[in-house]
Amino acid sequence: AMGMHYIIQGIIVVVGLLAILASLFNWNWFFQSQNTQFIVNNVGRKRARLFYALLGLLMIATAVYFFLEVQEAIQ
């Protein structure tokens, strides 16, 4: 279970990238999915795209931060 946190961090980065790419390319399948409807319906597609872009960046930044913290702890 030693490398499990790397797998979890990797998944967080991939999901973050997916959110950013969906925002950049305005993917219909992403913004018409049931999970995004609450935000899309409340703030509109344009703001939902911005929200998911920021969320993606936050997820990647969090994964990188924890990766660096773990590397520092290992030293």
PDB file of N, CA and C in Angstrom:
ATOM      1  N   ALA A   1       0.831  -1.208   0.000  1.00  0.00           N
ATOM      2  CA  ALA A   1       0.000   0.000   0.000  1.00  0.00           C
ATOM      3  C   ALA A   1       0.870   1.265   0.000  1.00  0.00           C
ATOM      4  N   MET A   2       2.180   1.071  -0.140  1.00  0.00           N
ATOM      5  CA  MET A   2       3.104   2.202  -0.106  1.00  0.00           C
ATOM      6  C   MET A   2       2.861   3.187  -1.249  1.00  0.00           C
ATOM      7  N   GLY A   3       2.633   2.663  -2.453  1.00  0.00           N
ATOM      8  CA  GLY A   3       2.467   3.537  -3.612  1.00  0.00           C
ATOM      9  C   GLY A   3       1.040   3.967  -3.873  1.00  0.00           C
ATOM     10  N   MET A   4       0.128   3.619  -2.976  1.00  0.00           N
ATOM     11  CA  MET A   4      -1.295   3.912  -3.192  1.00  0.00           C
ATOM     12  C   MET A   4      -1.553   5.411  -3.314  1.00  0.00           C
ATOM     13  N   HIS A   5      -0.846   6.223  -2.522  1.00  0.00           N
ATOM     14  CA  HIS A   5      -1.072   7.670  -2.591  1.00  0.00           C
ATOM     15  C   HIS A   5      -0.663   8.226  -3.959  1.00  0.00           C
ATOM     16  N   TYR A   6       0.326   7.593  -4.608  1.00  0.00           N
ATOM     17  CA  TYR A   6       0.702   8.038  -5.955  1.00  0.00           C
ATOM     18  C   TYR A   6      -0.417   7.763  -6.955  1.00  0.00           C
ATOM     19  N   ILE A   7      -1.077   6.625  -6.790  1.00  0.00           N
ATOM     20  CA  ILE A   7      -2.194   6.274  -7.670  1.00  0.00           C
ATOM     21  C   ILE A   7      -3.330   7.277  -7.479  1.00  0.00           C
ATOM     22  N   ILE A   8      -3.641   7.572  -6.222  1.00  0.00           N
ATOM     23  CA  ILE A   8      -4.719   8.528  -5.914  1.00  0.00           C
ATOM     24  C   ILE A   8      -4.377   9.915  -6.460  1.00  0.00           C
ATOM     25  N   GLN A   9      -3.126  10.352  -6.274  1.00  0.00           N
ATOM     26  CA  GLN A   9      -2.702  11.653  -6.803  1.00  0.00           C
ATOM     27  C   GLN A   9      -2.801  11.664  -8.326  1.00  0.00           C
ATOM     28  N   GLY A  10      -2.427  10.564  -8.946  1.00  0.00           N
ATOM     29  CA  GLY A  10      -2.517  10.454 -10.407  1.00  0.00           C
ATOM     30  C   GLY A  10      -3.948  10.591 -10.890  1.00  0.00           C
ATOM     31  N   ILE A  11      -4.865   9.926 -10.189  1.00  0.00           N
ATOM     32  CA  ILE A  11      -6.294  10.010 -10.544  1.00  0.00           C
ATOM     33  C   ILE A  11      -6.786  11.445 -10.402  1.00  0.00           C
ATOM     34  N   ILE A  12      -6.396  12.118  -9.321  1.00  0.00           N
ATOM     35  CA  ILE A  12      -6.812  13.516  -9.102  1.00  0.00           C
ATOM     36  C   ILE A  12      -6.300  14.410 -10.233  1.00  0.00           C
ATOM     37  N   VAL A  13      -5.045  14.195 -10.666  1.00  0.00           N
ATOM     38  CA  VAL A  13      -4.479  14.986 -11.768  1.00  0.00           C
ATOM     39  C   VAL A  13      -5.244  14.725 -13.062  1.00  0.00           C
ATOM     40  N   VAL A  14      -5.543  13.452 -13.352  1.00  0.00           N
ATOM     41  CA  VAL A  14      -6.274  13.104 -14.578  1.00  0.00           C
ATOM     42  C   VAL A  14      -7.667  13.732 -14.573  1.00  0.00           C
ATOM     43  N   VAL A  15      -8.372  13.653 -13.457  1.00  0.00           N
ATOM     44  CA  VAL A  15      -9.715  14.253 -13.347  1.00  0.00           C
ATOM     45  C   VAL A  15      -9.629  15.775 -13.492  1.00  0.00           C
ATOM     46  N   GLY A  16      -8.600  16.375 -12.879  1.00  0.00           N
ATOM     47  CA  GLY A  16      -8.388  17.819 -13.005  1.00  0.00           C
ATOM     48  C   GLY A  16      -8.144  18.222 -14.452  1.00  0.00           C
ATOM     49  N   LEU A  17      -7.296  17.445 -15.148  1.00  0.00           N
ATOM     50  CA  LEU A  17      -7.035  17.715 -16.568  1.00  0.00           C
ATOM     51  C   LEU A  17      -8.300  17.572 -17.394  1.00  0.00           C
ATOM     52  N   LEU A  18      -9.100  16.562 -17.094  1.00  0.00           N
ATOM     53  CA  LEU A  18     -10.355  16.345 -17.810  1.00  0.00           C
ATOM     54  C   LEU A  18     -11.275  17.554 -17.650  1.00  0.00           C
ATOM     55  N   ALA A  19     -11.375  18.075 -16.424  1.00  0.00           N
ATOM     56  CA  ALA A  19     -12.220  19.249 -16.167  1.00  0.00           C
ATOM     57  C   ALA A  19     -11.708  20.465 -16.941  1.00  0.00           C
ATOM     58  N   ILE A  20     -10.387  20.654 -16.967  1.00  0.00           N
ATOM     59  CA  ILE A  20      -9.805  21.790 -17.696  1.00  0.00           C
ATOM     60  C   ILE A  20     -10.042  21.648 -19.200  1.00  0.00           C
ATOM     61  N   LEU A  21      -9.785  20.460 -19.746  1.00  0.00           N
ATOM     62  CA  LEU A  21      -9.991  20.235 -21.182  1.00  0.00           C
ATOM     63  C   LEU A  21     -11.455  20.400 -21.570  1.00  0.00           C
ATOM     64  N   ALA A  22     -12.356  19.883 -20.731  1.00  0.00           N
ATOM     65  CA  ALA A  22     -13.791  20.037 -21.000  1.00  0.00           C
ATOM     66  C   ALA A  22     -14.164  21.508 -21.050  1.00  0.00           C
ATOM     67  N   SER A  23     -13.583  22.308 -20.158  1.00  0.00           N
ATOM     68  CA  SER A  23     -13.854  23.747 -20.125  1.00  0.00           C
ATOM     69  C   SER A  23     -13.308  24.448 -21.358  1.00  0.00           C
ATOM     70  N   LEU A  24     -12.067  24.108 -21.723  1.00  0.00           N
ATOM     71  CA  LEU A  24     -11.428  24.752 -22.881  1.00  0.00           C
ATOM     72  C   LEU A  24     -12.162  24.441 -24.181  1.00  0.00           C
ATOM     73  N   PHE A  25     -12.541  23.176 -24.356  1.00  0.00           N
ATOM     74  CA  PHE A  25     -13.146  22.752 -25.618  1.00  0.00           C
ATOM     75  C   PHE A  25     -14.668  22.728 -25.575  1.00  0.00           C
ATOM     76  N   ASN A  26     -15.235  23.126 -24.411  1.00  0.00           N
ATOM     77  CA  ASN A  26     -16.696  23.230 -24.257  1.00  0.00           C
ATOM     78  C   ASN A  26     -17.389  21.933 -24.658  1.00  0.00           C
ATOM     79  N   TRP A  27     -16.895  20.796 -24.161  1.00  0.00           N
ATOM     80  CA  TRP A  27     -17.433  19.489 -24.522  1.00  0.00           C
ATOM     81  C   TRP A  27     -18.871  19.327 -24.064  1.00  0.00           C
ATOM     82  N   ASN A  28     -19.766  19.066 -25.032  1.00  0.00           N
ATOM     83  CA  ASN A  28     -21.182  18.868 -24.718  1.00  0.00           C
ATOM     84  C   ASN A  28     -21.414  17.687 -23.790  1.00  0.00           C
ATOM     85  N   TRP A  29     -20.738  16.565 -24.063  1.00  0.00           N
ATOM     86  CA  TRP A  29     -20.972  15.365 -23.241  1.00  0.00           C
ATOM     87  C   TRP A  29     -20.650  15.643 -21.779  1.00  0.00           C
ATOM     88  N   PHE A  30     -19.708  16.527 -21.526  1.00  0.00           N
ATOM     89  CA  PHE A  30     -19.327  16.856 -20.142  1.00  0.00           C
ATOM     90  C   PHE A  30     -20.377  17.762 -19.505  1.00  0.00           C
ATOM     91  N   PHE A  31     -20.732  18.838 -20.213  1.00  0.00           N
ATOM     92  CA  PHE A  31     -21.633  19.839 -19.629  1.00  0.00           C
ATOM     93  C   PHE A  31     -23.101  19.446 -19.695  1.00  0.00           C
ATOM     94  N   GLN A  32     -23.421  18.383 -20.424  1.00  0.00           N
ATOM     95  CA  GLN A  32     -24.802  17.899 -20.436  1.00  0.00           C
ATOM     96  C   GLN A  32     -24.977  16.690 -19.525  1.00  0.00           C
ATOM     97  N   SER A  33     -23.898  16.265 -18.851  1.00  0.00           N
ATOM     98  CA  SER A  33     -23.997  15.122 -17.945  1.00  0.00           C
ATOM     99  C   SER A  33     -24.778  15.515 -16.698  1.00  0.00           C
ATOM    100  N   GLN A  34     -25.370  14.524 -16.066  1.00  0.00           N
ATOM    101  CA  GLN A  34     -26.216  14.762 -14.894  1.00  0.00           C
ATOM    102  C   GLN A  34     -25.442  15.456 -13.777  1.00  0.00           C
ATOM    103  N   ASN A  35     -24.165  15.115 -13.614  1.00  0.00           N
ATOM    104  CA  ASN A  35     -23.366  15.667 -12.518  1.00  0.00           C
ATOM    105  C   ASN A  35     -23.089  17.163 -12.660  1.00  0.00           C
ATOM    106  N   THR A  36     -23.077  17.682 -13.873  1.00  0.00           N
ATOM    107  CA  THR A  36     -22.771  19.099 -14.061  1.00  0.00           C
ATOM    108  C   THR A  36     -24.038  19.964 -14.166  1.00  0.00           C
ATOM    109  N   GLN A  37     -25.185  19.335 -14.267  1.00  0.00           N
ATOM    110  CA  GLN A  37     -26.425  20.079 -14.508  1.00  0.00           C
ATOM    111  C   GLN A  37     -26.748  21.090 -13.424  1.00  0.00           C
ATOM    112  N   PHE A  38     -26.495  20.760 -12.171  1.00  0.00           N
ATOM    113  CA  PHE A  38     -26.808  21.683 -11.071  1.00  0.00           C
ATOM    114  C   PHE A  38     -26.099  23.019 -11.292  1.00  0.00           C
ATOM    115  N   ILE A  39     -24.808  22.964 -11.598  1.00  0.00           N
ATOM    116  CA  ILE A  39     -24.035  24.194 -11.782  1.00  0.00           C
ATOM    117  C   ILE A  39     -24.407  24.888 -13.090  1.00  0.00           C
ATOM    118  N   VAL A  40     -24.513  24.125 -14.168  1.00  0.00           N
ATOM    119  CA  VAL A  40     -24.864  24.700 -15.478  1.00  0.00           C
ATOM    120  C   VAL A  40     -26.219  25.407 -15.398  1.00  0.00           C
ATOM    121  N   ASN A  41     -27.193  24.774 -14.770  1.00  0.00           N
ATOM    122  CA  ASN A  41     -28.538  25.356 -14.672  1.00  0.00           C
ATOM    123  C   ASN A  41     -28.586  26.585 -13.778  1.00  0.00           C
ATOM    124  N   ASN A  42     -27.710  26.646 -12.778  1.00  0.00           N
ATOM    125  CA  ASN A  42     -27.739  27.769 -11.841  1.00  0.00           C
ATOM    126  C   ASN A  42     -26.926  28.976 -12.285  1.00  0.00           C
ATOM    127  N   VAL A  43     -25.789  28.753 -12.921  1.00  0.00           N
ATOM    128  CA  VAL A  43     -24.929  29.886 -13.281  1.00  0.00           C
ATOM    129  C   VAL A  43     -24.730  30.044 -14.788  1.00  0.00           C
ATOM    130  N   GLY A  44     -25.219  29.100 -15.567  1.00  0.00           N
ATOM    131  CA  GLY A  44     -25.060  29.170 -17.014  1.00  0.00           C
ATOM    132  C   GLY A  44     -23.800  28.454 -17.478  1.00  0.00           C
ATOM    133  N   ARG A  45     -23.768  28.147 -18.766  1.00  0.00           N
ATOM    134  CA  ARG A  45     -22.682  27.359 -19.334  1.00  0.00           C
ATOM    135  C   ARG A  45     -21.328  28.070 -19.247  1.00  0.00           C
ATOM    136  N   LYS A  46     -21.316  29.368 -19.518  1.00  0.00           N
ATOM    137  CA  LYS A  46     -20.065  30.125 -19.528  1.00  0.00           C
ATOM    138  C   LYS A  46     -19.393  30.105 -18.151  1.00  0.00           C
ATOM    139  N   ARG A  47     -20.164  30.401 -17.119  1.00  0.00           N
ATOM    140  CA  ARG A  47     -19.612  30.398 -15.759  1.00  0.00           C
ATOM    141  C   ARG A  47     -19.306  28.989 -15.291  1.00  0.00           C
ATOM    142  N   ALA A  48     -20.092  28.016 -15.747  1.00  0.00           N
ATOM    143  CA  ALA A  48     -19.822  26.614 -15.391  1.00  0.00           C
ATOM    144  C   ALA A  48     -18.466  26.194 -15.970  1.00  0.00           C
ATOM    145  N   ARG A  49     -18.171  26.641 -17.187  1.00  0.00           N
ATOM    146  CA  ARG A  49     -16.869  26.328 -17.802  1.00  0.00           C
ATOM    147  C   ARG A  49     -15.736  26.916 -16.976  1.00  0.00           C
ATOM    148  N   LEU A  50     -15.896  28.157 -16.526  1.00  0.00           N
ATOM    149  CA  LEU A  50     -14.887  28.800 -15.690  1.00  0.00           C
ATOM    150  C   LEU A  50     -14.736  28.057 -14.361  1.00  0.00           C
ATOM    151  N   PHE A  51     -15.872  27.692 -13.773  1.00  0.00           N
ATOM    152  CA  PHE A  51     -15.857  26.965 -12.509  1.00  0.00           C
ATOM    153  C   PHE A  51     -15.087  25.649 -12.640  1.00  0.00           C
ATOM    154  N   TYR A  52     -15.365  24.884 -13.684  1.00  0.00           N
ATOM    155  CA  TYR A  52     -14.697  23.595 -13.843  1.00  0.00           C
ATOM    156  C   TYR A  52     -13.221  23.755 -14.218  1.00  0.00           C
ATOM    157  N   ALA A  53     -12.876  24.820 -14.926  1.00  0.00           N
ATOM    158  CA  ALA A  53     -11.466  25.093 -15.217  1.00  0.00           C
ATOM    159  C   ALA A  53     -10.718  25.373 -13.912  1.00  0.00           C
ATOM    160  N   LEU A  54     -11.306  26.208 -13.052  1.00  0.00           N
ATOM    161  CA  LEU A  54     -10.687  26.525 -11.765  1.00  0.00           C
ATOM    162  C   LEU A  54     -10.628  25.299 -10.862  1.00  0.00           C
ATOM    163  N   LEU A  55     -11.692  24.516 -10.869  1.00  0.00           N
ATOM    164  CA  LEU A  55     -11.726  23.286 -10.072  1.00  0.00           C
ATOM    165  C   LEU A  55     -10.619  22.325 -10.528  1.00  0.00           C
ATOM    166  N   GLY A  56     -10.434  22.211 -11.843  1.00  0.00           N
ATOM    167  CA  GLY A  56      -9.382  21.353 -12.389  1.00  0.00           C
ATOM    168  C   GLY A  56      -8.004  21.817 -11.960  1.00  0.00           C
ATOM    169  N   LEU A  57      -7.772  23.130 -12.045  1.00  0.00           N
ATOM    170  CA  LEU A  57      -6.488  23.687 -11.610  1.00  0.00           C
ATOM    171  C   LEU A  57      -6.257  23.444 -10.127  1.00  0.00           C
ATOM    172  N   LEU A  58      -7.297  23.618  -9.325  1.00  0.00           N
ATOM    173  CA  LEU A  58      -7.202  23.390  -7.888  1.00  0.00           C
ATOM    174  C   LEU A  58      -6.866  21.927  -7.582  1.00  0.00           C
ATOM    175  N   MET A  59      -7.498  21.013  -8.303  1.00  0.00           N
ATOM    176  CA  MET A  59      -7.238  19.587  -8.092  1.00  0.00           C
ATOM    177  C   MET A  59      -5.786  19.244  -8.427  1.00  0.00           C
ATOM    178  N   ILE A  60      -5.295  19.757  -9.551  1.00  0.00           N
ATOM    179  CA  ILE A  60      -3.918  19.485  -9.950  1.00  0.00           C
ATOM    180  C   ILE A  60      -2.940  20.102  -8.955  1.00  0.00           C
ATOM    181  N   ALA A  61      -3.203  21.341  -8.555  1.00  0.00           N
ATOM    182  CA  ALA A  61      -2.341  22.017  -7.586  1.00  0.00           C
ATOM    183  C   ALA A  61      -2.303  21.247  -6.263  1.00  0.00           C
ATOM    184  N   THR A  62      -3.437  20.735  -5.824  1.00  0.00           N
ATOM    185  CA  THR A  62      -3.515  19.961  -4.590  1.00  0.00           C
ATOM    186  C   THR A  62      -2.699  18.672  -4.702  1.00  0.00           C
ATOM    187  N   ALA A  63      -2.842  17.972  -5.823  1.00  0.00           N
ATOM    188  CA  ALA A  63      -2.095  16.729  -6.035  1.00  0.00           C
ATOM    189  C   ALA A  63      -0.593  16.998  -6.056  1.00  0.00           C
ATOM    190  N   VAL A  64      -0.175  18.057  -6.737  1.00  0.00           N
ATOM    191  CA  VAL A  64       1.246  18.420  -6.797  1.00  0.00           C
ATOM    192  C   VAL A  64       1.758  18.784  -5.401  1.00  0.00           C
ATOM    193  N   TYR A  65       0.977  19.548  -4.659  1.00  0.00           N
ATOM    194  CA  TYR A  65       1.361  19.942  -3.301  1.00  0.00           C
ATOM    195  C   TYR A  65       1.598  18.701  -2.426  1.00  0.00           C
ATOM    196  N   PHE A  66       0.634  17.763  -2.443  1.00  0.00           N
ATOM    197  CA  PHE A  66       0.780  16.568  -1.616  1.00  0.00           C
ATOM    198  C   PHE A  66       1.929  15.691  -2.105  1.00  0.00           C
ATOM    199  N   PHE A  67       2.142  15.644  -3.413  1.00  0.00           N
ATOM    200  CA  PHE A  67       3.276  14.897  -3.962  1.00  0.00           C
ATOM    201  C   PHE A  67       4.586  15.454  -3.408  1.00  0.00           C
ATOM    202  N   LEU A  68       4.727  16.785  -3.428  1.00  0.00           N
ATOM    203  CA  LEU A  68       5.951  17.433  -2.941  1.00  0.00           C
ATOM    204  C   LEU A  68       6.110  17.260  -1.433  1.00  0.00           C
ATOM    205  N   GLU A  69       5.000  17.313  -0.693  1.00  0.00           N
ATOM    206  CA  GLU A  69       5.030  17.101   0.768  1.00  0.00           C
ATOM    207  C   GLU A  69       5.520  15.689   1.090  1.00  0.00           C
ATOM    208  N   VAL A  70       5.018  14.698   0.361  1.00  0.00           N
ATOM    209  CA  VAL A  70       5.417  13.306   0.586  1.00  0.00           C
ATOM    210  C   VAL A  70       6.884  13.127   0.243  1.00  0.00           C
ATOM    211  N   GLN A  71       7.338  13.745  -0.856  1.00  0.00           N
ATOM    212  CA  GLN A  71       8.743  13.645  -1.239  1.00  0.00           C
ATOM    213  C   GLN A  71       9.636  14.234  -0.154  1.00  0.00           C
ATOM    214  N   GLU A  72       9.191  15.331   0.433  1.00  0.00           N
ATOM    215  CA  GLU A  72       9.954  15.995   1.492  1.00  0.00           C
ATOM    216  C   GLU A  72       9.988  15.125   2.747  1.00  0.00           C
ATOM    217  N   ALA A  73       8.887  14.452   3.039  1.00  0.00           N
ATOM    218  CA  ALA A  73       8.798  13.591   4.220  1.00  0.00           C
ATOM    219  C   ALA A  73       9.687  12.358   4.078  1.00  0.00           C
ATOM    220  N   ILE A  74       9.836  11.877   2.841  1.00  0.00           N
ATOM    221  CA  ILE A  74      10.652  10.691   2.574  1.00  0.00           C
ATOM    222  C   ILE A  74      12.138  10.999   2.794  1.00  0.00           C
ATOM    223  N   GLN A  75      12.558  12.204   2.439  1.00  0.00           N
ATOM    224  CA  GLN A  75      13.977  12.608   2.547  1.00  0.00           C
ATOM    225  C   GLN A  75      14.521  12.420   3.963  1.00  0.00           C
TER     226      GLN A  75
END
